[in-house]
Amino acid sequence: MVPAMEHPERLTIASRPSTMALFQAGQVRDRLAHWYPETDVTILPVSTEGDRWAGRLADLGGKGDLHQGRRAGPPGVQPR
């Protein structure tokens, strides 16, 4: 059960435009619409340069340290 709380009038979920991502975002939208029927929940497909890149990911550059960032967690939060 979801605790009672104020709800926004509108909520937009940004999602990659792939079939799987839109399906997952749709499930989240449907759950939120069930919990907060007064809230207008929409999905905004968002495409980035990485989504459109047809070459090797290594050629895009960067440090390749996504794994390290995920392990460390958000800034200011110490991992357990």
C-alpha atoms as a PDB file:
ATOM      1  CA  MET A   1       0.000   0.000   0.000  1.00  0.00           C
ATOM      2  CA  VAL A   2       1.272   3.435  -0.896  1.00  0.00           C
ATOM      3  CA  PRO A   3       1.249   6.024   1.913  1.00  0.00           C
ATOM      4  CA  ALA A   4      -0.989   9.050   1.429  1.00  0.00           C
ATOM      5  CA  MET A   5       0.894  12.030   0.048  1.00  0.00           C
ATOM      6  CA  GLU A   6       0.367  15.001  -2.200  1.00  0.00           C
ATOM      7  CA  HIS A   7       0.627  14.197  -5.866  1.00  0.00           C
ATOM      8  CA  PRO A   8       1.826  16.285  -8.793  1.00  0.00           C
ATOM      9  CA  GLU A   9      -0.645  17.342 -11.474  1.00  0.00           C
ATOM     10  CA  ARG A  10       1.667  16.079 -14.203  1.00  0.00           C
ATOM     11  CA  LEU A  11       4.552  13.622 -14.329  1.00  0.00           C
ATOM     12  CA  THR A  12       6.739  12.924 -17.372  1.00  0.00           C
ATOM     13  CA  ILE A  13       8.847   9.779 -17.635  1.00  0.00           C
ATOM     14  CA  ALA A  14      11.835  10.131 -19.982  1.00  0.00           C
ATOM     15  CA  SER A  15      12.678   6.879 -21.754  1.00  0.00           C
ATOM     16  CA  ARG A  16      14.959   5.652 -24.499  1.00  0.00           C
ATOM     17  CA  PRO A  17      12.893   4.997 -27.633  1.00  0.00           C
ATOM     18  CA  SER A  18      13.630   1.255 -27.838  1.00  0.00           C
ATOM     19  CA  THR A  19      10.717  -1.162 -27.690  1.00  0.00           C
ATOM     20  CA  MET A  20      11.926  -2.654 -24.411  1.00  0.00           C
ATOM     21  CA  ALA A  21      12.543   0.706 -22.721  1.00  0.00           C
ATOM     22  CA  LEU A  22       9.142   2.047 -23.797  1.00  0.00           C
ATOM     23  CA  PHE A  23       7.463  -1.139 -22.570  1.00  0.00           C
ATOM     24  CA  GLN A  24       9.146  -0.787 -19.170  1.00  0.00           C
ATOM     25  CA  ALA A  25       8.292   2.915 -18.973  1.00  0.00           C
ATOM     26  CA  GLY A  26       4.697   2.011 -19.848  1.00  0.00           C
ATOM     27  CA  GLN A  27       4.552  -0.378 -16.914  1.00  0.00           C
ATOM     28  CA  VAL A  28       5.824   2.358 -14.586  1.00  0.00           C
ATOM     29  CA  ARG A  29       3.327   4.833 -16.082  1.00  0.00           C
ATOM     30  CA  ASP A  30       0.455   2.386 -15.577  1.00  0.00           C
ATOM     31  CA  ARG A  31       1.444   1.721 -11.951  1.00  0.00           C
ATOM     32  CA  LEU A  32       1.716   5.449 -11.191  1.00  0.00           C
ATOM     33  CA  ALA A  33      -1.620   6.117 -12.909  1.00  0.00           C
ATOM     34  CA  HIS A  34      -3.173   3.430 -10.704  1.00  0.00           C
ATOM     35  CA  TRP A  35      -1.706   4.886  -7.513  1.00  0.00           C
ATOM     36  CA  TYR A  36      -2.325   8.522  -8.465  1.00  0.00           C
ATOM     37  CA  PRO A  37      -5.317   8.666 -10.844  1.00  0.00           C
ATOM     38  CA  GLU A  38      -5.448  12.471 -10.588  1.00  0.00           C
ATOM     39  CA  THR A  39      -1.927  12.777 -12.048  1.00  0.00           C
ATOM     40  CA  ASP A  40      -1.375  13.016 -15.809  1.00  0.00           C
ATOM     41  CA  VAL A  41       1.513  10.578 -16.437  1.00  0.00           C
ATOM     42  CA  THR A  42       3.163  10.676 -19.866  1.00  0.00           C
ATOM     43  CA  ILE A  43       6.221   9.114 -21.497  1.00  0.00           C
ATOM     44  CA  LEU A  44       8.741  11.246 -23.383  1.00  0.00           C
ATOM     45  CA  PRO A  45      10.992   9.226 -25.727  1.00  0.00           C
ATOM     46  CA  VAL A  46      14.534  10.653 -25.565  1.00  0.00           C
ATOM     47  CA  SER A  47      17.302   9.785 -27.990  1.00  0.00           C
ATOM     48  CA  THR A  48      20.970  10.654 -27.415  1.00  0.00           C
ATOM     49  CA  GLU A  49      24.014  10.697 -29.667  1.00  0.00           C
ATOM     50  CA  GLY A  50      24.963   7.321 -28.224  1.00  0.00           C
ATOM     51  CA  ASP A  51      21.598   5.891 -29.329  1.00  0.00           C
ATOM     52  CA  ARG A  52      22.224   7.037 -32.897  1.00  0.00           C
ATOM     53  CA  TRP A  53      25.915   5.980 -33.055  1.00  0.00           C
ATOM     54  CA  ALA A  54      26.450   3.102 -35.469  1.00  0.00           C
ATOM     55  CA  GLY A  55      30.184   2.643 -34.812  1.00  0.00           C
ATOM     56  CA  ARG A  56      32.117   1.011 -32.008  1.00  0.00           C
ATOM     57  CA  LEU A  57      31.309   2.396 -28.569  1.00  0.00           C
ATOM     58  CA  ALA A  58      35.023   2.704 -27.793  1.00  0.00           C
ATOM     59  CA  ASP A  59      35.295   5.204 -30.668  1.00  0.00           C
ATOM     60  CA  LEU A  60      32.920   7.599 -28.870  1.00  0.00           C
ATOM     61  CA  GLY A  61      35.652   8.310 -26.318  1.00  0.00           C
ATOM     62  CA  GLY A  62      35.217   8.761 -22.623  1.00  0.00           C
ATOM     63  CA  LYS A  63      36.935   6.991 -19.776  1.00  0.00           C
ATOM     64  CA  GLY A  64      34.916   3.802 -19.667  1.00  0.00           C
ATOM     65  CA  ASP A  65      34.531   4.174 -15.891  1.00  0.00           C
ATOM     66  CA  LEU A  66      30.795   3.588 -15.659  1.00  0.00           C
ATOM     67  CA  HIS A  67      31.369   0.517 -13.518  1.00  0.00           C
ATOM     68  CA  GLN A  68      33.466   2.491 -11.019  1.00  0.00           C
ATOM     69  CA  GLY A  69      30.813   5.201 -10.809  1.00  0.00           C
ATOM     70  CA  ARG A  70      28.072   2.662 -10.181  1.00  0.00           C
ATOM     71  CA  ARG A  71      30.086   0.990  -7.437  1.00  0.00           C
ATOM     72  CA  ALA A  72      30.767   4.317  -5.713  1.00  0.00           C
ATOM     73  CA  GLY A  73      27.107   5.397  -5.790  1.00  0.00           C
ATOM     74  CA  PRO A  74      25.777   8.938  -5.997  1.00  0.00           C
ATOM     75  CA  PRO A  75      27.988  11.837  -4.891  1.00  0.00           C
ATOM     76  CA  GLY A  76      27.972  12.268  -1.132  1.00  0.00           C
ATOM     77  CA  VAL A  77      26.697   8.739  -0.464  1.00  0.00           C
ATOM     78  CA  GLN A  78      29.157   6.229   0.936  1.00  0.00           C
ATOM     79  CA  PRO A  79      28.737   2.615  -0.230  1.00  0.00           C
ATOM     80  CA  ARG A  80      28.244  -0.022   2.458  1.00  0.00           C
END
